[in-house]
Amino acid sequence: MPSYIVIATILVLSVIGFYMGRSTVLGRNGGKTRGLHSLPGYYGYYMALWCAAPALLVAGLWLIFEGSIVDGILRAGIPADIPVERHSLFMTDVHNLALNGTIAGEVTDTLRAAADRYLQLMDYSSIAMAIGALAVGIIGLAFAQSRITPRLRARPRVEKAVMITLMAASTIAVLTTVGIILSLLFESALFFEKVSFTEFLFGIQWSPQTAMRADQVGSTGAFGAVPLFAGTLLITAIAMLVAAPIGLMSAIYMSEYADRRVRSVLKPVLEVLAGIPTVVYGFFAALTVAPFVRQLGQMAGLDVASESALAAGVVMGVMIVPFVSSLSDDVMTAVPQAMRDGSYGLGATKSETIKRVIIPAALPGIVGALMLAISRAIGETMIVVMAAGLSANLTANPFEAVTTVTVQIATLLVGDQEFDSPKTLATFALGLVLFVVTLCLNIVALRIVRKYREQYE
């Protein structure tokens, strides 16, 4: 039985438990709400929680450990003629054959039997999970119903359960962040054991492809990441030169000049740009913008590459315009009307009010919108792959092909990789650099926000 059906069934049982809890407490109190410690709805929530929480916990734990248990059973049945060092590859082939129906190599009888056994065990496991989770949920319903009385402190217990859930969610978020940071630090430390830290940060040659033989050219690889940083900054700068003025001017027009009907049309149209998949922007950049930029360059006598930073940056800037315009418009609209009226009362014009009152008052939100747009530009991959190329060139010329940090991360992790080679570990070092840069941007944005928020609040 699919897991989503089990979860949906548990939720339906919880809804039934909610109404059972309400009717149970009212029935035991003579149908009256007077004399109840809590409102009838809290007794329903109390019973629903006793049904959903244990059942979902059982289902979640089952799904977490299901794969390991099934793999353990299959590993115990691997024939003795298969070497131990090939057990992992054998299990990978079993999973691919069972789930996808095909593998890269030859399908042997042993492999097919193991794949059939895997599917059989997974079916048994799904049925057992459904029975176990639903049984626990029904037991929880019966237990909660037996404890419901008019004097039961249902509201404090429900609120405590909600508080525990919120604390667990926040703890998971924090632990996830800590886990990401630790994984980056650990893998980056392994990388810097093989490659010099100074070479990585200050080297100007990026060629992570290591050869298979020591006598081949580039056998040691080159991991100078300066060309990647330069390409990332160049494309981000071009994107912000496009997005920042267009976004801010659009926000000023929609919040201060446009009437309500025009604003109700323009704002959704601009926000549609944020919903277009980035691969579509990549096609647009590669098939339309890049040839157009090259033709303009040839008309001006300039040598423009077929894949250029300018084409990628312009399209990326168009993509992030909604992040600047929509957020800035919301912030400017939220500025109190009394500040506008006071400025007009002192004789200021509309443009002077916008420059000296509205924008300074909304500056924290505008800075936040720009920081969000910069972070979005730094993390973009598809547009750069399709319009700027993969060449790690150290240049400030926007007409040449460049690459970015995120593109190299995606490129190096494509296909089957060994996660103990400098080539693959370099992606973690690049990710750590991106994390540090984003953290610094957030710190700068917070300082600016605090400075001007104290001034205008």
Protein backbone atom coordinates (compact mmCIF):
# COMPACT_ATOMS: atom_id res chain seq x y z
CA MET A 1 0.00 0.00 0.00
CA PRO A 2 1.47 3.42 -0.95
CA SER A 3 2.54 5.54 1.98
CA TYR A 4 0.41 8.51 0.92
CA ILE A 5 -2.73 6.34 1.19
CA VAL A 6 -1.72 5.33 4.72
CA ILE A 7 -1.14 8.96 5.71
CA ALA A 8 -4.45 10.02 4.17
CA THR A 9 -6.24 7.25 6.07
CA ILE A 10 -4.64 8.36 9.33
CA LEU A 11 -5.78 11.93 8.71
CA VAL A 12 -9.32 10.74 8.01
CA LEU A 13 -9.28 8.77 11.28
CA SER A 14 -8.09 11.92 13.05
CA VAL A 15 -11.02 13.91 11.65
CA ILE A 16 -13.37 11.17 12.82
CA GLY A 17 -11.66 11.29 16.21
CA PHE A 18 -12.24 15.04 16.40
CA TYR A 19 -15.99 14.67 16.05
CA MET A 20 -16.00 11.64 18.34
CA GLY A 21 -14.24 13.68 21.04
CA ARG A 22 -16.77 16.51 20.79
CA SER A 23 -19.76 14.19 20.89
CA THR A 24 -18.25 12.08 23.69
CA VAL A 25 -17.69 14.97 26.09
CA LEU A 26 -21.08 16.49 25.33
CA GLY A 27 -22.76 13.12 25.83
CA ARG A 28 -21.05 12.60 29.18
CA ASN A 29 -22.06 16.10 30.26
CA GLY A 30 -25.72 15.77 29.38
CA GLY A 31 -25.37 17.66 26.08
CA LYS A 32 -24.45 20.91 27.86
CA THR A 33 -21.31 22.98 27.47
CA ARG A 34 -21.63 24.44 30.96
CA GLY A 35 -19.43 22.62 33.43
CA LEU A 36 -16.82 21.64 30.85
CA HIS A 37 -13.25 22.60 31.66
CA SER A 38 -12.56 23.47 27.99
CA LEU A 39 -14.56 24.15 24.88
CA PRO A 40 -15.88 21.02 23.13
CA GLY A 41 -13.52 21.56 20.20
CA TYR A 42 -10.46 21.05 22.44
CA TYR A 43 -11.72 17.60 23.41
CA GLY A 44 -12.00 16.84 19.71
CA TYR A 45 -8.45 18.04 19.12
CA TYR A 46 -7.30 16.00 22.10
CA MET A 47 -8.72 12.82 20.62
CA ALA A 48 -7.48 13.62 17.10
CA LEU A 49 -3.94 14.16 18.41
CA TRP A 50 -3.98 10.84 20.24
CA CYS A 51 -4.90 9.21 16.93
CA ALA A 52 -2.63 11.08 14.51
CA ALA A 53 0.57 11.57 16.52
CA PRO A 54 1.35 7.90 17.40
CA ALA A 55 0.20 6.62 14.00
CA LEU A 56 2.27 9.14 12.04
CA LEU A 57 5.26 8.48 14.30
CA VAL A 58 5.04 4.74 13.57
CA ALA A 59 4.68 5.37 9.83
CA GLY A 60 7.57 7.83 9.79
CA LEU A 61 9.93 5.55 11.70
CA TRP A 62 8.92 2.65 9.48
CA LEU A 63 9.71 4.61 6.32
CA ILE A 64 13.05 5.74 7.74
CA PHE A 65 14.28 2.25 8.61
CA GLU A 66 12.44 0.29 5.92
CA GLY A 67 15.15 0.56 3.30
CA SER A 68 17.98 -0.41 5.65
CA ILE A 69 16.11 -3.47 6.94
CA VAL A 70 15.15 -4.69 3.47
CA ASP A 71 18.70 -4.13 2.18
CA GLY A 72 20.06 -6.01 5.18
CA ILE A 73 17.84 -9.00 4.40
CA LEU A 74 18.94 -8.93 0.76
CA ARG A 75 22.63 -8.60 1.66
CA ALA A 76 22.34 -11.68 3.86
CA GLY A 77 21.14 -13.63 0.84
CA ILE A 78 23.83 -12.52 -1.63
CA PRO A 79 25.51 -15.62 -3.12
CA ALA A 80 28.95 -16.47 -1.81
CA ASP A 81 30.50 -16.34 -5.30
CA ILE A 82 30.03 -12.54 -5.38
CA PRO A 83 33.04 -10.79 -3.76
CA VAL A 84 32.40 -8.62 -0.74
CA GLU A 85 33.77 -5.53 -2.48
CA ARG A 86 31.07 -5.91 -5.16
CA HIS A 87 28.14 -6.13 -2.73
CA SER A 88 27.40 -2.41 -2.94
CA LEU A 89 27.41 -2.49 -6.74
CA PHE A 90 25.18 -5.58 -6.66
CA MET A 91 22.66 -3.81 -4.40
CA THR A 92 22.68 -0.77 -6.70
CA ASP A 93 21.89 -2.99 -9.68
CA VAL A 94 19.11 -4.66 -7.68
CA HIS A 95 17.51 -1.29 -6.90
CA ASN A 96 17.79 -0.08 -10.50
CA LEU A 97 16.40 -3.29 -11.94
CA ALA A 98 13.52 -3.39 -9.44
CA LEU A 99 12.54 0.26 -9.76
CA ASN A 100 13.50 1.10 -13.35
CA GLY A 101 13.43 -2.32 -15.02
CA THR A 102 16.89 -1.95 -16.53
CA ILE A 103 20.58 -1.64 -15.65
CA ALA A 104 23.72 -0.75 -17.55
CA GLY A 105 25.19 -4.27 -17.46
CA GLU A 106 23.93 -7.79 -18.04
CA VAL A 107 20.86 -8.99 -16.15
CA THR A 108 21.70 -12.36 -14.60
CA ASP A 109 19.29 -14.82 -13.03
CA THR A 110 20.73 -14.08 -9.59
CA LEU A 111 20.19 -10.36 -10.09
CA ARG A 112 16.65 -10.83 -11.35
CA ALA A 113 15.78 -13.09 -8.42
CA ALA A 114 17.17 -10.52 -5.98
CA ALA A 115 15.15 -7.75 -7.65
CA ASP A 116 11.97 -9.83 -7.40
CA ARG A 117 12.77 -10.55 -3.77
CA TYR A 118 13.30 -6.83 -3.16
CA LEU A 119 9.89 -5.94 -4.62
CA GLN A 120 8.25 -8.70 -2.59
CA LEU A 121 9.83 -7.49 0.65
CA MET A 122 8.82 -3.91 -0.09
CA ASP A 123 5.22 -5.00 -0.67
CA TYR A 124 5.19 -6.92 2.61
CA SER A 125 6.74 -3.94 4.37
CA SER A 126 4.11 -1.54 3.01
CA ILE A 127 1.28 -3.79 4.16
CA ALA A 128 2.86 -4.21 7.59
CA MET A 129 3.35 -0.45 7.91
CA ALA A 130 -0.28 0.21 7.04
CA ILE A 131 -1.55 -2.36 9.52
CA GLY A 132 0.77 -1.18 12.28
CA ALA A 133 0.11 2.54 11.83
CA LEU A 134 -3.66 2.17 11.58
CA ALA A 135 -3.74 -0.19 14.56
CA VAL A 136 -1.80 2.32 16.66
CA GLY A 137 -4.16 5.10 15.53
CA ILE A 138 -7.25 3.11 16.50
CA ILE A 139 -5.71 2.23 19.87
CA GLY A 140 -4.98 5.93 20.37
CA LEU A 141 -8.62 6.76 19.64
CA ALA A 142 -9.87 4.22 22.14
CA PHE A 143 -7.42 5.36 24.82
CA ALA A 144 -8.30 9.04 24.36
CA GLN A 145 -12.03 8.33 24.43
CA SER A 146 -11.69 6.43 27.68
CA ARG A 147 -9.96 9.41 29.32
CA ILE A 148 -12.41 12.10 28.18
CA THR A 149 -14.43 13.53 31.05
CA PRO A 150 -16.03 16.96 31.55
CA ARG A 151 -13.23 17.91 33.97
CA LEU A 152 -10.38 16.83 31.67
CA ARG A 153 -7.97 19.73 31.10
CA ALA A 154 -8.14 19.35 27.32
CA ARG A 155 -7.13 22.86 26.32
CA PRO A 156 -3.78 23.00 28.22
CA ARG A 157 -2.87 19.56 26.92
CA VAL A 158 -3.69 20.41 23.31
CA GLU A 159 -1.81 23.70 23.54
CA LYS A 160 1.16 21.91 25.08
CA ALA A 161 1.14 19.40 22.22
CA VAL A 162 1.06 22.25 19.68
CA MET A 163 3.93 23.96 21.49
CA ILE A 164 5.99 20.77 21.43
CA THR A 165 5.27 20.41 17.71
CA LEU A 166 6.40 23.97 17.01
CA MET A 167 9.54 23.50 19.08
CA ALA A 168 10.30 20.26 17.24
CA ALA A 169 9.86 21.98 13.88
CA SER A 170 12.18 24.84 14.84
CA THR A 171 14.71 22.39 16.24
CA ILE A 172 14.66 20.38 13.02
CA ALA A 173 15.23 23.58 11.02
CA VAL A 174 18.18 24.57 13.20
CA LEU A 175 19.68 21.07 13.17
CA THR A 176 19.29 20.91 9.39
CA THR A 177 21.20 24.16 9.03
CA VAL A 178 23.89 22.92 11.41
CA GLY A 179 24.10 19.64 9.49
CA ILE A 180 24.55 21.45 6.18
CA ILE A 181 27.29 23.63 7.63
CA LEU A 182 29.10 20.69 9.23
CA SER A 183 28.93 18.66 6.03
CA LEU A 184 30.38 21.56 4.07
CA LEU A 185 33.14 22.08 6.63
CA PHE A 186 34.02 18.39 6.86
CA GLU A 187 34.16 17.77 3.11
CA SER A 188 35.95 21.08 2.52
CA ALA A 189 38.56 20.09 5.10
CA LEU A 190 39.17 16.85 3.16
CA PHE A 191 39.56 18.91 0.00
CA PHE A 192 42.04 21.31 1.55
CA GLU A 193 44.13 18.37 2.71
CA LYS A 194 44.74 17.60 -0.96
CA VAL A 195 44.72 21.11 -2.42
CA SER A 196 46.31 24.20 -0.93
CA PHE A 197 43.90 26.71 0.58
CA THR A 198 45.80 29.62 -1.00
CA GLU A 199 45.79 27.91 -4.39
CA PHE A 200 42.04 27.51 -4.22
CA LEU A 201 41.26 31.08 -3.17
CA PHE A 202 43.94 32.91 -5.15
CA GLY A 203 44.76 30.59 -8.04
CA ILE A 204 43.82 31.81 -11.52
CA GLN A 205 43.69 28.45 -13.30
CA TRP A 206 40.63 26.22 -12.95
CA SER A 207 40.89 22.75 -14.49
CA PRO A 208 39.55 20.16 -12.02
CA GLN A 209 39.63 17.27 -14.49
CA THR A 210 42.26 14.86 -13.17
CA ALA A 211 43.81 12.39 -15.58
CA MET A 212 43.78 8.64 -15.06
CA ARG A 213 47.55 8.26 -15.59
CA ALA A 214 50.27 10.33 -13.98
CA ASP A 215 51.99 11.00 -17.31
CA GLN A 216 48.93 12.68 -18.84
CA VAL A 217 48.62 16.45 -19.14
CA GLY A 218 46.76 17.98 -16.22
CA SER A 219 47.06 14.86 -14.12
CA THR A 220 47.19 16.86 -10.91
CA GLY A 221 44.38 19.23 -11.88
CA ALA A 222 44.21 22.97 -11.25
CA PHE A 223 41.86 24.28 -8.58
CA GLY A 224 42.31 28.04 -8.68
CA ALA A 225 38.76 29.31 -8.19
CA VAL A 226 39.35 33.01 -8.94
CA PRO A 227 37.92 32.69 -12.50
CA LEU A 228 34.73 31.20 -11.03
CA PHE A 229 34.40 33.98 -8.47
CA ALA A 230 35.05 36.60 -11.14
CA GLY A 231 32.48 35.09 -13.48
CA THR A 232 29.89 34.91 -10.71
CA LEU A 233 30.45 38.55 -9.73
CA LEU A 234 30.42 39.72 -13.35
CA ILE A 235 27.11 38.07 -14.23
CA THR A 236 25.55 39.10 -10.91
CA ALA A 237 26.66 42.71 -11.44
CA ILE A 238 25.15 42.78 -14.94
CA ALA A 239 21.93 41.24 -13.64
CA MET A 240 21.63 43.81 -10.87
CA LEU A 241 22.37 46.67 -13.28
CA VAL A 242 19.30 45.50 -15.17
CA ALA A 243 17.04 44.48 -12.29
CA ALA A 244 17.71 47.20 -9.72
CA PRO A 245 16.74 50.31 -11.75
CA ILE A 246 13.88 48.63 -13.61
CA GLY A 247 12.53 47.03 -10.45
CA LEU A 248 12.80 50.18 -8.33
CA MET A 249 11.29 52.45 -10.96
CA SER A 250 8.47 49.96 -11.51
CA ALA A 251 7.83 49.91 -7.77
CA ILE A 252 7.83 53.71 -7.57
CA TYR A 253 5.36 53.99 -10.43
CA MET A 254 3.00 51.33 -9.10
CA SER A 255 3.01 52.62 -5.52
CA GLU A 256 2.96 56.39 -6.14
CA TYR A 257 1.75 57.19 -9.65
CA ALA A 258 -0.44 54.39 -10.98
CA ASP A 259 -4.11 54.30 -10.08
CA ARG A 260 -5.65 51.25 -8.49
CA ARG A 261 -6.86 49.62 -11.72
CA VAL A 262 -3.51 49.97 -13.47
CA ARG A 263 -1.66 48.67 -10.41
CA SER A 264 -3.99 45.66 -10.15
CA VAL A 265 -2.95 44.70 -13.70
CA LEU A 266 0.75 45.60 -13.72
CA LYS A 267 1.70 43.96 -10.44
CA PRO A 268 0.42 40.45 -11.33
CA VAL A 269 1.95 40.73 -14.81
CA LEU A 270 5.36 41.53 -13.33
CA GLU A 271 5.06 38.74 -10.78
CA VAL A 272 4.39 36.25 -13.58
CA LEU A 273 8.07 36.61 -14.51
CA ALA A 274 9.02 35.03 -11.18
CA GLY A 275 6.96 31.93 -11.99
CA ILE A 276 8.60 31.15 -15.33
CA PRO A 277 11.00 28.17 -15.02
CA THR A 278 14.64 29.14 -15.25
CA VAL A 279 15.22 26.64 -18.07
CA VAL A 280 12.78 28.69 -20.18
CA TYR A 281 14.85 31.78 -19.45
CA GLY A 282 17.89 29.76 -20.46
CA PHE A 283 16.34 28.87 -23.82
CA PHE A 284 15.38 32.51 -24.33
CA ALA A 285 18.91 33.63 -23.52
CA ALA A 286 20.58 31.04 -25.75
CA LEU A 287 18.27 31.30 -28.75
CA THR A 288 17.25 34.97 -28.75
CA VAL A 289 19.33 37.25 -26.54
CA ALA A 290 22.78 35.76 -27.18
CA PRO A 291 22.50 35.95 -31.03
CA PHE A 292 21.04 39.46 -30.74
CA VAL A 293 23.92 40.62 -28.53
CA ARG A 294 26.43 39.07 -30.93
CA GLN A 295 24.84 40.82 -33.93
CA LEU A 296 24.89 44.16 -32.14
CA GLY A 297 28.54 43.62 -31.25
CA GLN A 298 29.45 42.79 -34.84
CA MET A 299 27.63 45.89 -36.06
CA ALA A 300 29.72 47.94 -33.62
CA GLY A 301 32.91 46.18 -34.64
CA LEU A 302 33.26 44.23 -31.40
CA ASP A 303 34.23 40.59 -31.00
CA VAL A 304 31.35 38.98 -29.07
CA ALA A 305 31.38 35.29 -28.21
CA SER A 306 28.38 33.13 -29.05
CA GLU A 307 28.03 32.56 -25.27
CA SER A 308 28.65 35.71 -23.27
CA ALA A 309 28.30 37.01 -19.76
CA LEU A 310 26.26 39.94 -21.07
CA ALA A 311 23.52 37.73 -22.53
CA ALA A 312 23.26 35.64 -19.38
CA GLY A 313 23.35 38.70 -17.11
CA VAL A 314 20.64 40.57 -19.02
CA VAL A 315 18.24 37.62 -18.99
CA MET A 316 19.01 36.93 -15.34
CA GLY A 317 18.27 40.56 -14.57
CA VAL A 318 14.88 40.26 -16.27
CA MET A 319 14.20 37.15 -14.21
CA ILE A 320 14.86 38.85 -10.86
CA VAL A 321 13.01 42.09 -11.65
CA PRO A 322 9.88 40.80 -9.83
CA PHE A 323 11.89 40.19 -6.66
CA VAL A 324 12.89 43.86 -6.57
CA SER A 325 9.71 45.46 -7.90
CA SER A 326 7.12 43.47 -5.95
CA LEU A 327 8.85 43.63 -2.58
CA SER A 328 9.81 47.30 -2.99
CA ASP A 329 6.26 48.15 -4.03
CA ASP A 330 4.86 46.46 -0.94
CA VAL A 331 7.30 48.30 1.31
CA MET A 332 6.61 51.71 -0.26
CA THR A 333 2.86 51.17 -0.09
CA ALA A 334 3.22 50.36 3.62
CA VAL A 335 4.76 53.80 4.37
CA PRO A 336 2.14 55.70 6.43
CA GLN A 337 0.06 58.18 4.47
CA ALA A 338 0.66 60.72 7.24
CA MET A 339 4.31 61.00 6.17
CA ARG A 340 3.22 61.84 2.62
CA ASP A 341 0.65 64.36 3.83
CA GLY A 342 3.21 66.02 6.09
CA SER A 343 5.64 66.37 3.20
CA TYR A 344 2.96 67.84 0.93
CA GLY A 345 1.94 70.21 3.72
CA LEU A 346 5.48 71.57 3.85
CA GLY A 347 5.31 72.37 0.14
CA ALA A 348 7.23 69.40 -1.27
CA THR A 349 6.33 68.06 -4.69
CA LYS A 350 5.51 64.43 -5.35
CA SER A 351 8.98 63.68 -6.70
CA GLU A 352 10.62 65.39 -3.72
CA THR A 353 8.38 63.43 -1.36
CA ILE A 354 9.38 60.18 -3.04
CA LYS A 355 13.12 60.97 -2.93
CA ARG A 356 13.30 62.45 0.56
CA VAL A 357 10.49 60.70 2.46
CA ILE A 358 9.17 57.53 0.83
CA ILE A 359 12.43 55.93 -0.31
CA PRO A 360 14.35 56.67 2.93
CA ALA A 361 11.45 55.36 5.02
CA ALA A 362 11.18 52.23 2.87
CA LEU A 363 14.95 51.76 2.56
CA PRO A 364 15.17 48.71 4.90
CA GLY A 365 12.67 46.82 2.78
CA ILE A 366 14.30 47.95 -0.47
CA VAL A 367 17.69 46.77 0.77
CA GLY A 368 16.14 43.44 1.71
CA ALA A 369 14.65 43.12 -1.79
CA LEU A 370 18.01 43.90 -3.40
CA MET A 371 19.81 41.39 -1.17
CA LEU A 372 17.25 38.74 -2.06
CA ALA A 373 17.75 39.52 -5.74
CA ILE A 374 21.54 39.29 -5.41
CA SER A 375 21.28 35.96 -3.64
CA ARG A 376 18.95 34.72 -6.38
CA ALA A 377 21.39 35.83 -9.06
CA ILE A 378 24.38 34.22 -7.35
CA GLY A 379 22.58 30.90 -7.06
CA GLU A 380 21.27 30.73 -10.63
CA THR A 381 22.56 27.85 -12.77
CA MET A 382 20.49 27.06 -15.87
CA ILE A 383 20.71 30.49 -17.51
CA VAL A 384 24.49 30.55 -17.11
CA VAL A 385 24.89 27.01 -18.45
CA MET A 386 22.87 27.76 -21.58
CA ALA A 387 23.92 31.35 -22.27
CA ALA A 388 27.35 31.95 -20.69
CA GLY A 389 29.01 28.57 -21.17
CA LEU A 390 31.36 26.49 -19.05
CA SER A 391 34.66 28.23 -19.77
CA ALA A 392 36.47 29.34 -16.62
CA ASN A 393 37.88 32.58 -18.03
CA LEU A 394 39.36 35.25 -15.79
CA THR A 395 38.04 38.33 -17.49
CA ALA A 396 35.99 41.46 -16.88
CA ASN A 397 34.86 41.62 -20.51
CA PRO A 398 31.09 41.01 -20.61
CA PHE A 399 31.32 39.91 -24.26
CA GLU A 400 33.35 36.80 -23.42
CA ALA A 401 32.19 33.41 -22.17
CA VAL A 402 32.49 32.83 -18.42
CA THR A 403 31.18 30.40 -15.85
CA THR A 404 30.00 30.63 -12.25
CA VAL A 405 30.42 28.73 -9.01
CA THR A 406 26.99 27.07 -9.16
CA VAL A 407 27.52 25.91 -12.74
CA GLN A 408 30.78 24.22 -11.80
CA ILE A 409 29.14 22.54 -8.81
CA ALA A 410 26.42 21.13 -11.05
CA THR A 411 28.93 20.11 -13.72
CA LEU A 412 31.33 18.32 -11.40
CA LEU A 413 28.57 16.30 -9.74
CA VAL A 414 27.00 15.00 -12.95
CA GLY A 415 27.21 11.23 -13.41
CA ASP A 416 28.83 8.59 -11.23
CA GLN A 417 31.50 10.24 -9.11
CA GLU A 418 33.94 9.22 -6.42
CA PHE A 419 33.45 11.43 -3.40
CA ASP A 420 37.05 11.10 -2.26
CA SER A 421 38.73 12.77 -5.24
CA PRO A 422 39.75 16.46 -5.30
CA LYS A 423 37.53 16.95 -8.35
CA THR A 424 34.34 16.10 -6.44
CA LEU A 425 35.42 17.51 -3.08
CA ALA A 426 36.02 20.85 -4.80
CA THR A 427 32.24 21.26 -5.06
CA PHE A 428 31.96 21.35 -1.26
CA ALA A 429 34.65 23.99 -1.04
CA LEU A 430 32.81 26.07 -3.63
CA GLY A 431 29.57 25.59 -1.70
CA LEU A 432 31.30 26.75 1.48
CA VAL A 433 32.44 29.92 -0.28
CA LEU A 434 28.89 30.59 -1.48
CA PHE A 435 27.61 30.08 2.06
CA VAL A 436 30.13 32.55 3.49
CA VAL A 437 29.37 35.13 0.80
CA THR A 438 25.61 34.85 1.37
CA LEU A 439 26.11 35.12 5.12
CA CYS A 440 28.17 38.29 4.68
CA LEU A 441 25.49 39.79 2.43
CA ASN A 442 22.84 39.07 5.05
CA ILE A 443 24.95 40.66 7.78
CA VAL A 444 25.44 43.81 5.70
CA ALA A 445 21.73 43.95 4.94
CA LEU A 446 20.82 43.57 8.62
CA ARG A 447 23.16 46.41 9.59
CA ILE A 448 21.61 48.72 7.00
CA VAL A 449 18.09 47.75 8.01
CA ARG A 450 18.77 48.36 11.70
CA LYS A 451 20.39 51.72 11.02
CA TYR A 452 17.52 53.16 9.02
CA ARG A 453 14.78 51.44 10.97
CA GLU A 454 15.94 53.19 14.14
CA GLN A 455 15.85 56.46 12.22
CA TYR A 456 12.31 56.20 10.89
CA GLU A 457 10.40 54.21 13.49
